[in-house]
Amino acid sequence: VQLQESGPGPVKPSQTLSLTCTVSGDSITTTNYWWMWIRQPPGKGLEWIGYITSSGSTNYSPSLKSRTSISRDTSKNQFTLQLSSVTPEDTAVYYCAFYYSNYVNSWGQGTQVTVSS
């Protein structure tokens, strides 16, 4: 499975960040596959944002839940992250990832998102 993130690059404070992950090599509806978003702020560790399952259920980090939405387009084999009301603290490299059988099987290359006025 290969994943590729795409997104806007620079984002202004208070705007909504939107990133899309395009999946190839398998269907995002394959049973028991989870599709994740993870980020790494500069100088910090990885932070899990949330995931969407093969059936469309979602789960989010409690610290980001109020601002996060993950959805999918099965016709395009893509899933999307929306993070609202962004601040400079949301500046990070954002990754999409494929989780199956209790571990992350593959990652996208990551995309830098900078929140700045």
PDB file of N, CA and C in Angstrom:
ATOM      1  N   VAL A   1       0.847  -1.186   0.000  1.00  0.00           N
ATOM      2  CA  VAL A   1       0.000   0.000   0.000  1.00  0.00           C
ATOM      3  C   VAL A   1       0.889   1.245   0.000  1.00  0.00           C
ATOM      4  N   GLN A   2       0.560   2.174  -0.881  1.00  0.00           N
ATOM      5  CA  GLN A   2       1.285   3.453  -0.934  1.00  0.00           C
ATOM      6  C   GLN A   2       0.314   4.594  -0.621  1.00  0.00           C
ATOM      7  N   LEU A   3       0.822   5.589   0.067  1.00  0.00           N
ATOM      8  CA  LEU A   3       0.019   6.736   0.458  1.00  0.00           C
ATOM      9  C   LEU A   3       0.734   8.023   0.053  1.00  0.00           C
ATOM     10  N   GLN A   4      -0.050   8.997  -0.358  1.00  0.00           N
ATOM     11  CA  GLN A   4       0.504  10.286  -0.755  1.00  0.00           C
ATOM     12  C   GLN A   4      -0.376  11.407  -0.240  1.00  0.00           C
ATOM     13  N   GLU A   5       0.219  12.277   0.590  1.00  0.00           N
ATOM     14  CA  GLU A   5      -0.520  13.430   1.103  1.00  0.00           C
ATOM     15  C   GLU A   5      -0.502  14.571   0.088  1.00  0.00           C
ATOM     16  N   SER A   6      -1.554  15.349   0.107  1.00  0.00           N
ATOM     17  CA  SER A   6      -1.588  16.580  -0.674  1.00  0.00           C
ATOM     18  C   SER A   6      -2.349  17.627   0.118  1.00  0.00           C
ATOM     19  N   GLY A   7      -1.872  18.863   0.015  1.00  0.00           N
ATOM     20  CA  GLY A   7      -2.500  19.910   0.805  1.00  0.00           C
ATOM     21  C   GLY A   7      -2.042  21.278   0.416  1.00  0.00           C
ATOM     22  N   PRO A   8      -2.467  22.276   1.162  1.00  0.00           N
ATOM     23  CA  PRO A   8      -2.335  23.664   0.730  1.00  0.00           C
ATOM     24  C   PRO A   8      -0.998  24.315   1.022  1.00  0.00           C
ATOM     25  N   GLY A   9      -0.179  23.706   1.931  1.00  0.00           N
ATOM     26  CA  GLY A   9       1.045  24.396   2.304  1.00  0.00           C
ATOM     27  C   GLY A   9       0.777  25.425   3.383  1.00  0.00           C
ATOM     28  N   PRO A  10       1.033  26.711   3.134  1.00  0.00           N
ATOM     29  CA  PRO A  10       0.810  27.733   4.164  1.00  0.00           C
ATOM     30  C   PRO A  10      -0.678  27.910   4.464  1.00  0.00           C
ATOM     31  N   VAL A  11      -0.994  28.089   5.731  1.00  0.00           N
ATOM     32  CA  VAL A  11      -2.370  28.321   6.175  1.00  0.00           C
ATOM     33  C   VAL A  11      -2.334  29.479   7.173  1.00  0.00           C
ATOM     34  N   LYS A  12      -3.342  30.325   7.137  1.00  0.00           N
ATOM     35  CA  LYS A  12      -3.415  31.455   8.067  1.00  0.00           C
ATOM     36  C   LYS A  12      -4.147  31.049   9.349  1.00  0.00           C
ATOM     37  N   PRO A  13      -3.778  31.666  10.464  1.00  0.00           N
ATOM     38  CA  PRO A  13      -4.486  31.389  11.721  1.00  0.00           C
ATOM     39  C   PRO A  13      -5.989  31.590  11.572  1.00  0.00           C
ATOM     40  N   SER A  14      -6.729  30.731  12.259  1.00  0.00           N
ATOM     41  CA  SER A  14      -8.194  30.685  12.300  1.00  0.00           C
ATOM     42  C   SER A  14      -8.806  29.991  11.081  1.00  0.00           C
ATOM     43  N   GLN A  15      -8.003  29.699  10.063  1.00  0.00           N
ATOM     44  CA  GLN A  15      -8.537  28.988   8.903  1.00  0.00           C
ATOM     45  C   GLN A  15      -8.656  27.496   9.178  1.00  0.00           C
ATOM     46  N   THR A  16      -9.254  26.793   8.228  1.00  0.00           N
ATOM     47  CA  THR A  16      -9.365  25.339   8.320  1.00  0.00           C
ATOM     48  C   THR A  16      -8.337  24.697   7.402  1.00  0.00           C
ATOM     49  N   LEU A  17      -7.541  23.834   8.003  1.00  0.00           N
ATOM     50  CA  LEU A  17      -6.560  23.063   7.260  1.00  0.00           C
ATOM     51  C   LEU A  17      -7.237  21.845   6.652  1.00  0.00           C
ATOM     52  N   SER A  18      -6.968  21.593   5.375  1.00  0.00           N
ATOM     53  CA  SER A  18      -7.525  20.428   4.713  1.00  0.00           C
ATOM     54  C   SER A  18      -6.425  19.683   3.972  1.00  0.00           C
ATOM     55  N   LEU A  19      -6.268  18.416   4.298  1.00  0.00           N
ATOM     56  CA  LEU A  19      -5.270  17.558   3.650  1.00  0.00           C
ATOM     57  C   LEU A  19      -5.950  16.301   3.130  1.00  0.00           C
ATOM     58  N   THR A  20      -5.491  15.829   1.991  1.00  0.00           N
ATOM     59  CA  THR A  20      -6.022  14.612   1.399  1.00  0.00           C
ATOM     60  C   THR A  20      -4.921  13.579   1.263  1.00  0.00           C
ATOM     61  N   CYS A  21      -5.263  12.344   1.539  1.00  0.00           N
ATOM     62  CA  CYS A  21      -4.347  11.221   1.364  1.00  0.00           C
ATOM     63  C   CYS A  21      -4.896  10.318   0.274  1.00  0.00           C
ATOM     64  N   THR A  22      -4.126  10.135  -0.777  1.00  0.00           N
ATOM     65  CA  THR A  22      -4.513   9.245  -1.864  1.00  0.00           C
ATOM     66  C   THR A  22      -3.826   7.904  -1.669  1.00  0.00           C
ATOM     67  N   VAL A  23      -4.616   6.852  -1.684  1.00  0.00           N
ATOM     68  CA  VAL A  23      -4.126   5.504  -1.407  1.00  0.00           C
ATOM     69  C   VAL A  23      -4.081   4.700  -2.696  1.00  0.00           C
ATOM     70  N   SER A  24      -3.007   3.962  -2.887  1.00  0.00           N
ATOM     71  CA  SER A  24      -2.903   3.051  -4.023  1.00  0.00           C
ATOM     72  C   SER A  24      -2.401   1.702  -3.512  1.00  0.00           C
ATOM     73  N   GLY A  25      -2.739   0.674  -4.247  1.00  0.00           N
ATOM     74  CA  GLY A  25      -2.289  -0.662  -3.892  1.00  0.00           C
ATOM     75  C   GLY A  25      -3.325  -1.496  -3.170  1.00  0.00           C
ATOM     76  N   ASP A  26      -4.355  -0.859  -2.634  1.00  0.00           N
ATOM     77  CA  ASP A  26      -5.442  -1.576  -1.979  1.00  0.00           C
ATOM     78  C   ASP A  26      -6.590  -0.597  -1.769  1.00  0.00           C
ATOM     79  N   SER A  27      -7.754  -1.140  -1.452  1.00  0.00           N
ATOM     80  CA  SER A  27      -8.932  -0.299  -1.244  1.00  0.00           C
ATOM     81  C   SER A  27      -9.040   0.141   0.210  1.00  0.00           C
ATOM     82  N   ILE A  28      -9.465   1.396   0.402  1.00  0.00           N
ATOM     83  CA  ILE A  28      -9.627   1.888   1.767  1.00  0.00           C
ATOM     84  C   ILE A  28     -10.827   1.239   2.464  1.00  0.00           C
ATOM     85  N   THR A  29     -11.615   0.484   1.728  1.00  0.00           N
ATOM     86  CA  THR A  29     -12.747  -0.208   2.336  1.00  0.00           C
ATOM     87  C   THR A  29     -12.424  -1.664   2.684  1.00  0.00           C
ATOM     88  N   THR A  30     -11.195  -2.084   2.483  1.00  0.00           N
ATOM     89  CA  THR A  30     -10.810  -3.455   2.842  1.00  0.00           C
ATOM     90  C   THR A  30     -11.002  -3.654   4.337  1.00  0.00           C
ATOM     91  N   THR A  31     -11.653  -4.744   4.694  1.00  0.00           N
ATOM     92  CA  THR A  31     -12.028  -5.008   6.087  1.00  0.00           C
ATOM     93  C   THR A  31     -10.831  -4.917   7.029  1.00  0.00           C
ATOM     94  N   ASN A  32     -11.068  -4.205   8.149  1.00  0.00           N
ATOM     95  CA  ASN A  32     -10.106  -4.094   9.254  1.00  0.00           C
ATOM     96  C   ASN A  32      -8.917  -3.194   8.953  1.00  0.00           C
ATOM     97  N   TYR A  33      -8.943  -2.482   7.867  1.00  0.00           N
ATOM     98  CA  TYR A  33      -7.903  -1.482   7.627  1.00  0.00           C
ATOM     99  C   TYR A  33      -8.314  -0.168   8.298  1.00  0.00           C
ATOM    100  N   TRP A  34      -7.343   0.481   8.929  1.00  0.00           N
ATOM    101  CA  TRP A  34      -7.553   1.799   9.518  1.00  0.00           C
ATOM    102  C   TRP A  34      -6.649   2.788   8.802  1.00  0.00           C
ATOM    103  N   TRP A  35      -7.146   3.993   8.620  1.00  0.00           N
ATOM    104  CA  TRP A  35      -6.409   5.020   7.883  1.00  0.00           C
ATOM    105  C   TRP A  35      -6.226   6.224   8.787  1.00  0.00           C
ATOM    106  N   MET A  36      -4.965   6.533   9.059  1.00  0.00           N
ATOM    107  CA  MET A  36      -4.636   7.468  10.131  1.00  0.00           C
ATOM    108  C   MET A  36      -4.049   8.776   9.633  1.00  0.00           C
ATOM    109  N   TRP A  37      -4.171   9.789  10.474  1.00  0.00           N
ATOM    110  CA  TRP A  37      -3.418  11.027  10.345  1.00  0.00           C
ATOM    111  C   TRP A  37      -2.568  11.202  11.599  1.00  0.00           C
ATOM    112  N   ILE A  38      -1.320  11.554  11.375  1.00  0.00           N
ATOM    113  CA  ILE A  38      -0.323  11.737  12.429  1.00  0.00           C
ATOM    114  C   ILE A  38       0.481  12.976  12.066  1.00  0.00           C
ATOM    115  N   ARG A  39       0.927  13.712  13.053  1.00  0.00           N
ATOM    116  CA  ARG A  39       1.730  14.892  12.753  1.00  0.00           C
ATOM    117  C   ARG A  39       2.950  14.966  13.656  1.00  0.00           C
ATOM    118  N   GLN A  40       3.938  15.743  13.226  1.00  0.00           N
ATOM    119  CA  GLN A  40       5.141  15.963  14.019  1.00  0.00           C
ATOM    120  C   GLN A  40       5.487  17.442  13.992  1.00  0.00           C
ATOM    121  N   PRO A  41       5.216  18.159  15.077  1.00  0.00           N
ATOM    122  CA  PRO A  41       5.616  19.570  15.154  1.00  0.00           C
ATOM    123  C   PRO A  41       7.132  19.690  15.184  1.00  0.00           C
ATOM    124  N   PRO A  42       7.655  20.841  14.812  1.00  0.00           N
ATOM    125  CA  PRO A  42       9.118  21.001  14.795  1.00  0.00           C
ATOM    126  C   PRO A  42       9.713  20.784  16.173  1.00  0.00           C
ATOM    127  N   GLY A  43      10.721  19.929  16.261  1.00  0.00           N
ATOM    128  CA  GLY A  43      11.409  19.664  17.504  1.00  0.00           C
ATOM    129  C   GLY A  43      10.662  18.793  18.490  1.00  0.00           C
ATOM    130  N   LYS A  44       9.525  18.219  18.059  1.00  0.00           N
ATOM    131  CA  LYS A  44       8.723  17.398  18.962  1.00  0.00           C
ATOM    132  C   LYS A  44       8.497  16.007  18.384  1.00  0.00           C
ATOM    133  N   GLY A  45       7.873  15.166  19.156  1.00  0.00           N
ATOM    134  CA  GLY A  45       7.600  13.808  18.717  1.00  0.00           C
ATOM    135  C   GLY A  45       6.337  13.697  17.884  1.00  0.00           C
ATOM    136  N   LEU A  46       6.056  12.480  17.476  1.00  0.00           N
ATOM    137  CA  LEU A  46       4.865  12.219  16.686  1.00  0.00           C
ATOM    138  C   LEU A  46       3.603  12.362  17.542  1.00  0.00           C
ATOM    139  N   GLU A  47       2.561  12.905  16.943  1.00  0.00           N
ATOM    140  CA  GLU A  47       1.280  13.069  17.618  1.00  0.00           C
ATOM    141  C   GLU A  47       0.175  12.457  16.757  1.00  0.00           C
ATOM    142  N   TRP A  48      -0.543  11.526  17.332  1.00  0.00           N
ATOM    143  CA  TRP A  48      -1.659  10.905  16.621  1.00  0.00           C
ATOM    144  C   TRP A  48      -2.834  11.873  16.594  1.00  0.00           C
ATOM    145  N   ILE A  49      -3.440  12.037  15.426  1.00  0.00           N
ATOM    146  CA  ILE A  49      -4.564  12.952  15.263  1.00  0.00           C
ATOM    147  C   ILE A  49      -5.881  12.201  15.258  1.00  0.00           C
ATOM    148  N   GLY A  50      -5.945  11.109  14.497  1.00  0.00           N
ATOM    149  CA  GLY A  50      -7.171  10.338  14.431  1.00  0.00           C
ATOM    150  C   GLY A  50      -7.128   9.346  13.289  1.00  0.00           C
ATOM    151  N   TYR A  51      -8.230   8.597  13.148  1.00  0.00           N
ATOM    152  CA  TYR A  51      -8.297   7.632  12.060  1.00  0.00           C
ATOM    153  C   TYR A  51      -9.731   7.422  11.600  1.00  0.00           C
ATOM    154  N   ILE A  52      -9.826   6.840  10.407  1.00  0.00           N
ATOM    155  CA  ILE A  52     -11.102   6.390   9.878  1.00  0.00           C
ATOM    156  C   ILE A  52     -10.939   4.923   9.487  1.00  0.00           C
ATOM    157  N   THR A  53     -11.919   4.108   9.816  1.00  0.00           N
ATOM    158  CA  THR A  53     -11.804   2.680   9.554  1.00  0.00           C
ATOM    159  C   THR A  53     -12.338   2.325   8.172  1.00  0.00           C
ATOM    160  N   SER A  54     -12.180   1.070   7.821  1.00  0.00           N
ATOM    161  CA  SER A  54     -12.658   0.587   6.528  1.00  0.00           C
ATOM    162  C   SER A  54     -14.175   0.714   6.399  1.00  0.00           C
ATOM    163  N   SER A  55     -14.883   0.735   7.516  1.00  0.00           N
ATOM    164  CA  SER A  55     -16.343   0.874   7.487  1.00  0.00           C
ATOM    165  C   SER A  55     -16.799   2.321   7.612  1.00  0.00           C
ATOM    166  N   GLY A  56     -15.851   3.231   7.808  1.00  0.00           N
ATOM    167  CA  GLY A  56     -16.187   4.650   7.879  1.00  0.00           C
ATOM    168  C   GLY A  56     -16.302   5.223   9.286  1.00  0.00           C
ATOM    169  N   SER A  57     -16.081   4.410  10.296  1.00  0.00           N
ATOM    170  CA  SER A  57     -16.084   4.923  11.666  1.00  0.00           C
ATOM    171  C   SER A  57     -14.836   5.759  11.915  1.00  0.00           C
ATOM    172  N   THR A  58     -14.959   6.732  12.812  1.00  0.00           N
ATOM    173  CA  THR A  58     -13.831   7.604  13.102  1.00  0.00           C
ATOM    174  C   THR A  58     -13.524   7.645  14.590  1.00  0.00           C
ATOM    175  N   ASN A  59     -12.292   8.016  14.895  1.00  0.00           N
ATOM    176  CA  ASN A  59     -11.863   8.194  16.269  1.00  0.00           C
ATOM    177  C   ASN A  59     -10.774   9.259  16.269  1.00  0.00           C
ATOM    178  N   TYR A  60     -10.853  10.175  17.252  1.00  0.00           N
ATOM    179  CA  TYR A  60      -9.929  11.314  17.256  1.00  0.00           C
ATOM    180  C   TYR A  60      -9.204  11.436  18.584  1.00  0.00           C
ATOM    181  N   SER A  61      -8.029  12.049  18.527  1.00  0.00           N
ATOM    182  CA  SER A  61      -7.311  12.386  19.745  1.00  0.00           C
ATOM    183  C   SER A  61      -8.170  13.319  20.590  1.00  0.00           C
ATOM    184  N   PRO A  62      -8.283  13.039  21.882  1.00  0.00           N
ATOM    185  CA  PRO A  62      -9.104  13.913  22.743  1.00  0.00           C
ATOM    186  C   PRO A  62      -8.668  15.377  22.706  1.00  0.00           C
ATOM    187  N   SER A  63      -7.377  15.605  22.569  1.00  0.00           N
ATOM    188  CA  SER A  63      -6.882  16.992  22.592  1.00  0.00           C
ATOM    189  C   SER A  63      -7.225  17.753  21.310  1.00  0.00           C
ATOM    190  N   LEU A  64      -7.571  17.054  20.248  1.00  0.00           N
ATOM    191  CA  LEU A  64      -7.864  17.690  18.959  1.00  0.00           C
ATOM    192  C   LEU A  64      -9.291  17.437  18.495  1.00  0.00           C
ATOM    193  N   LYS A  65     -10.027  16.651  19.234  1.00  0.00           N
ATOM    194  CA  LYS A  65     -11.328  16.159  18.781  1.00  0.00           C
ATOM    195  C   LYS A  65     -12.286  17.280  18.385  1.00  0.00           C
ATOM    196  N   SER A  66     -12.285  18.362  19.154  1.00  0.00           N
ATOM    197  CA  SER A  66     -13.256  19.432  18.896  1.00  0.00           C
ATOM    198  C   SER A  66     -12.988  20.161  17.579  1.00  0.00           C
ATOM    199  N   ARG A  67     -11.779  19.991  17.037  1.00  0.00           N
ATOM    200  CA  ARG A  67     -11.414  20.720  15.808  1.00  0.00           C
ATOM    201  C   ARG A  67     -11.177  19.810  14.616  1.00  0.00           C
ATOM    202  N   THR A  68     -11.342  18.500  14.795  1.00  0.00           N
ATOM    203  CA  THR A  68     -10.907  17.534  13.779  1.00  0.00           C
ATOM    204  C   THR A  68     -12.081  16.817  13.126  1.00  0.00           C
ATOM    205  N   SER A  69     -11.935  16.603  11.834  1.00  0.00           N
ATOM    206  CA  SER A  69     -12.873  15.768  11.100  1.00  0.00           C
ATOM    207  C   SER A  69     -12.098  14.981  10.050  1.00  0.00           C
ATOM    208  N   ILE A  70     -12.320  13.676  10.027  1.00  0.00           N
ATOM    209  CA  ILE A  70     -11.719  12.816   9.010  1.00  0.00           C
ATOM    210  C   ILE A  70     -12.844  12.180   8.219  1.00  0.00           C
ATOM    211  N   SER A  71     -12.752  12.275   6.917  1.00  0.00           N
ATOM    212  CA  SER A  71     -13.767  11.715   6.030  1.00  0.00           C
ATOM    213  C   SER A  71     -13.090  10.961   4.899  1.00  0.00           C
ATOM    214  N   ARG A  72     -13.886  10.382   4.018  1.00  0.00           N
ATOM    215  CA  ARG A  72     -13.304   9.606   2.941  1.00  0.00           C
ATOM    216  C   ARG A  72     -14.143   9.727   1.675  1.00  0.00           C
ATOM    217  N   ASP A  73     -13.493   9.472   0.553  1.00  0.00           N
ATOM    218  CA  ASP A  73     -14.149   9.382  -0.744  1.00  0.00           C
ATOM    219  C   ASP A  73     -13.757   8.022  -1.325  1.00  0.00           C
ATOM    220  N   THR A  74     -14.647   7.063  -1.196  1.00  0.00           N
ATOM    221  CA  THR A  74     -14.307   5.706  -1.629  1.00  0.00           C
ATOM    222  C   THR A  74     -14.165   5.613  -3.144  1.00  0.00           C
ATOM    223  N   SER A  75     -14.836   6.481  -3.875  1.00  0.00           N
ATOM    224  CA  SER A  75     -14.736   6.437  -5.337  1.00  0.00           C
ATOM    225  C   SER A  75     -13.343   6.858  -5.813  1.00  0.00           C
ATOM    226  N   LYS A  76     -12.665   7.668  -4.994  1.00  0.00           N
ATOM    227  CA  LYS A  76     -11.310   8.117  -5.338  1.00  0.00           C
ATOM    228  C   LYS A  76     -10.240   7.414  -4.517  1.00  0.00           C
ATOM    229  N   ASN A  77     -10.672   6.546  -3.609  1.00  0.00           N
ATOM    230  CA  ASN A  77      -9.745   5.860  -2.701  1.00  0.00           C
ATOM    231  C   ASN A  77      -8.888   6.869  -1.933  1.00  0.00           C
ATOM    232  N   GLN A  78      -9.553   7.854  -1.373  1.00  0.00           N
ATOM    233  CA  GLN A  78      -8.886   8.924  -0.631  1.00  0.00           C
ATOM    234  C   GLN A  78      -9.553   9.116   0.732  1.00  0.00           C
ATOM    235  N   PHE A  79      -8.787   9.626   1.674  1.00  0.00           N
ATOM    236  CA  PHE A  79      -9.366  10.092   2.926  1.00  0.00           C
ATOM    237  C   PHE A  79      -8.768  11.459   3.256  1.00  0.00           C
ATOM    238  N   THR A  80      -9.550  12.244   3.976  1.00  0.00           N
ATOM    239  CA  THR A  80      -9.246  13.655   4.146  1.00  0.00           C
ATOM    240  C   THR A  80      -9.264  14.061   5.612  1.00  0.00           C
ATOM    241  N   LEU A  81      -8.333  14.932   5.964  1.00  0.00           N
ATOM    242  CA  LEU A  81      -8.277  15.536   7.301  1.00  0.00           C
ATOM    243  C   LEU A  81      -8.691  16.991   7.196  1.00  0.00           C
ATOM    244  N   GLN A  82      -9.576  17.413   8.069  1.00  0.00           N
ATOM    245  CA  GLN A  82      -9.883  18.828   8.238  1.00  0.00           C
ATOM    246  C   GLN A  82      -9.637  19.201   9.693  1.00  0.00           C
ATOM    247  N   LEU A  83      -8.850  20.244   9.890  1.00  0.00           N
ATOM    248  CA  LEU A  83      -8.536  20.740  11.226  1.00  0.00           C
ATOM    249  C   LEU A  83      -8.896  22.220  11.244  1.00  0.00           C
ATOM    250  N   SER A  84      -9.860  22.577  12.057  1.00  0.00           N
ATOM    251  CA  SER A  84     -10.386  23.941  12.042  1.00  0.00           C
ATOM    252  C   SER A  84      -9.670  24.833  13.059  1.00  0.00           C
ATOM    253  N   SER A  85      -9.869  26.118  12.892  1.00  0.00           N
ATOM    254  CA  SER A  85      -9.366  27.132  13.826  1.00  0.00           C
ATOM    255  C   SER A  85      -7.890  26.938  14.140  1.00  0.00           C
ATOM    256  N   VAL A  86      -7.096  26.806  13.115  1.00  0.00           N
ATOM    257  CA  VAL A  86      -5.680  26.497  13.327  1.00  0.00           C
ATOM    258  C   VAL A  86      -4.943  27.689  13.928  1.00  0.00           C
ATOM    259  N   THR A  87      -3.879  27.366  14.648  1.00  0.00           N
ATOM    260  CA  THR A  87      -2.971  28.348  15.236  1.00  0.00           C
ATOM    261  C   THR A  87      -1.553  27.967  14.841  1.00  0.00           C
ATOM    262  N   PRO A  88      -0.573  28.819  15.110  1.00  0.00           N
ATOM    263  CA  PRO A  88       0.818  28.449  14.793  1.00  0.00           C
ATOM    264  C   PRO A  88       1.248  27.144  15.468  1.00  0.00           C
ATOM    265  N   GLU A  89       0.599  26.768  16.557  1.00  0.00           N
ATOM    266  CA  GLU A  89       0.937  25.505  17.227  1.00  0.00           C
ATOM    267  C   GLU A  89       0.548  24.289  16.391  1.00  0.00           C
ATOM    268  N   ASP A  90      -0.235  24.478  15.369  1.00  0.00           N
ATOM    269  CA  ASP A  90      -0.586  23.389  14.469  1.00  0.00           C
ATOM    270  C   ASP A  90       0.425  23.223  13.334  1.00  0.00           C
ATOM    271  N   THR A  91       1.440  24.041  13.310  1.00  0.00           N
ATOM    272  CA  THR A  91       2.517  23.886  12.338  1.00  0.00           C
ATOM    273  C   THR A  91       3.224  22.559  12.576  1.00  0.00           C
ATOM    274  N   ALA A  92       3.329  21.761  11.528  1.00  0.00           N
ATOM    275  CA  ALA A  92       3.902  20.420  11.677  1.00  0.00           C
ATOM    276  C   ALA A  92       4.063  19.779  10.298  1.00  0.00           C
ATOM    277  N   VAL A  93       4.784  18.668  10.295  1.00  0.00           N
ATOM    278  CA  VAL A  93       4.732  17.771   9.137  1.00  0.00           C
ATOM    279  C   VAL A  93       3.581  16.804   9.400  1.00  0.00           C
ATOM    280  N   TYR A  94       2.672  16.734   8.446  1.00  0.00           N
ATOM    281  CA  TYR A  94       1.494  15.883   8.583  1.00  0.00           C
ATOM    282  C   TYR A  94       1.673  14.632   7.713  1.00  0.00           C
ATOM    283  N   TYR A  95       1.391  13.486   8.334  1.00  0.00           N
ATOM    284  CA  TYR A  95       1.527  12.203   7.655  1.00  0.00           C
ATOM    285  C   TYR A  95       0.187  11.478   7.625  1.00  0.00           C
ATOM    286  N   CYS A  96      -0.080  10.787   6.532  1.00  0.00           N
ATOM    287  CA  CYS A  96      -1.142   9.787   6.560  1.00  0.00           C
ATOM    288  C   CYS A  96      -0.482   8.421   6.634  1.00  0.00           C
ATOM    289  N   ALA A  97      -1.209   7.472   7.196  1.00  0.00           N
ATOM    290  CA  ALA A  97      -0.622   6.160   7.442  1.00  0.00           C
ATOM    291  C   ALA A  97      -1.701   5.093   7.395  1.00  0.00           C
ATOM    292  N   PHE A  98      -1.242   3.872   7.166  1.00  0.00           N
ATOM    293  CA  PHE A  98      -2.100   2.696   7.050  1.00  0.00           C
ATOM    294  C   PHE A  98      -1.808   1.775   8.225  1.00  0.00           C
ATOM    295  N   TYR A  99      -2.854   1.472   8.979  1.00  0.00           N
ATOM    296  CA  TYR A  99      -2.713   0.650  10.189  1.00  0.00           C
ATOM    297  C   TYR A  99      -3.500  -0.631  10.002  1.00  0.00           C
ATOM    298  N   TYR A 100      -2.809  -1.735  10.260  1.00  0.00           N
ATOM    299  CA  TYR A 100      -3.470  -3.038  10.136  1.00  0.00           C
ATOM    300  C   TYR A 100      -2.734  -4.044  11.003  1.00  0.00           C
ATOM    301  N   SER A 101      -3.464  -4.907  11.635  1.00  0.00           N
ATOM    302  CA  SER A 101      -2.887  -5.982  12.427  1.00  0.00           C
ATOM    303  C   SER A 101      -1.937  -5.437  13.502  1.00  0.00           C
ATOM    304  N   ASN A 102      -2.395  -4.397  14.179  1.00  0.00           N
ATOM    305  CA  ASN A 102      -1.728  -3.849  15.361  1.00  0.00           C
ATOM    306  C   ASN A 102      -0.455  -3.065  15.115  1.00  0.00           C
ATOM    307  N   TYR A 103      -0.184  -2.692  13.914  1.00  0.00           N
ATOM    308  CA  TYR A 103       0.928  -1.784  13.696  1.00  0.00           C
ATOM    309  C   TYR A 103       0.739  -0.986  12.416  1.00  0.00           C
ATOM    310  N   VAL A 104       1.501   0.107  12.324  1.00  0.00           N
ATOM    311  CA  VAL A 104       1.442   0.955  11.134  1.00  0.00           C
ATOM    312  C   VAL A 104       2.271   0.299  10.043  1.00  0.00           C
ATOM    313  N   ASN A 105       1.596  -0.056   8.972  1.00  0.00           N
ATOM    314  CA  ASN A 105       2.248  -0.800   7.908  1.00  0.00           C
ATOM    315  C   ASN A 105       2.972   0.092   6.900  1.00  0.00           C
ATOM    316  N   SER A 106       2.422   1.263   6.652  1.00  0.00           N
ATOM    317  CA  SER A 106       3.089   2.157   5.713  1.00  0.00           C
ATOM    318  C   SER A 106       2.686   3.598   5.986  1.00  0.00           C
ATOM    319  N   TRP A 107       3.545   4.516   5.537  1.00  0.00           N
ATOM    320  CA  TRP A 107       3.386   5.941   5.757  1.00  0.00           C
ATOM    321  C   TRP A 107       3.451   6.684   4.426  1.00  0.00           C
ATOM    322  N   GLY A 108       2.782   7.817   4.379  1.00  0.00           N
ATOM    323  CA  GLY A 108       3.042   8.748   3.298  1.00  0.00           C
ATOM    324  C   GLY A 108       4.370   9.448   3.558  1.00  0.00           C
ATOM    325  N   GLN A 109       4.812  10.216   2.596  1.00  0.00           N
ATOM    326  CA  GLN A 109       6.102  10.894   2.739  1.00  0.00           C
ATOM    327  C   GLN A 109       6.026  12.106   3.664  1.00  0.00           C
ATOM    328  N   GLY A 110       4.834  12.550   3.961  1.00  0.00           N
ATOM    329  CA  GLY A 110       4.655  13.710   4.832  1.00  0.00           C
ATOM    330  C   GLY A 110       4.566  15.004   4.046  1.00  0.00           C
ATOM    331  N   THR A 111       3.789  15.939   4.578  1.00  0.00           N
ATOM    332  CA  THR A 111       3.675  17.250   3.949  1.00  0.00           C
ATOM    333  C   THR A 111       3.782  18.325   5.021  1.00  0.00           C
ATOM    334  N   GLN A 112       4.599  19.323   4.762  1.00  0.00           N
ATOM    335  CA  GLN A 112       4.784  20.409   5.721  1.00  0.00           C
ATOM    336  C   GLN A 112       3.593  21.364   5.659  1.00  0.00           C
ATOM    337  N   VAL A 113       3.039  21.649   6.818  1.00  0.00           N
ATOM    338  CA  VAL A 113       1.989  22.662   6.929  1.00  0.00           C
ATOM    339  C   VAL A 113       2.474  23.731   7.899  1.00  0.00           C
ATOM    340  N   THR A 114       2.494  24.949   7.433  1.00  0.00           N
ATOM    341  CA  THR A 114       2.925  26.068   8.263  1.00  0.00           C
ATOM    342  C   THR A 114       1.753  27.019   8.464  1.00  0.00           C
ATOM    343  N   VAL A 115       1.450  27.303   9.720  1.00  0.00           N
ATOM    344  CA  VAL A 115       0.381  28.241  10.062  1.00  0.00           C
ATOM    345  C   VAL A 115       1.012  29.561  10.444  1.00  0.00           C
ATOM    346  N   SER A 116       0.767  30.552   9.608  1.00  0.00           N
ATOM    347  CA  SER A 116       1.393  31.852   9.826  1.00  0.00           C
ATOM    348  C   SER A 116       0.562  32.930   9.162  1.00  0.00           C
ATOM    349  N   SER A 117       0.529  34.079   9.790  1.00  0.00           N
ATOM    350  CA  SER A 117      -0.176  35.209   9.194  1.00  0.00           C
ATOM    351  C   SER A 117       0.728  35.952   8.230  1.00  0.00           C
TER     352      SER A 117
END
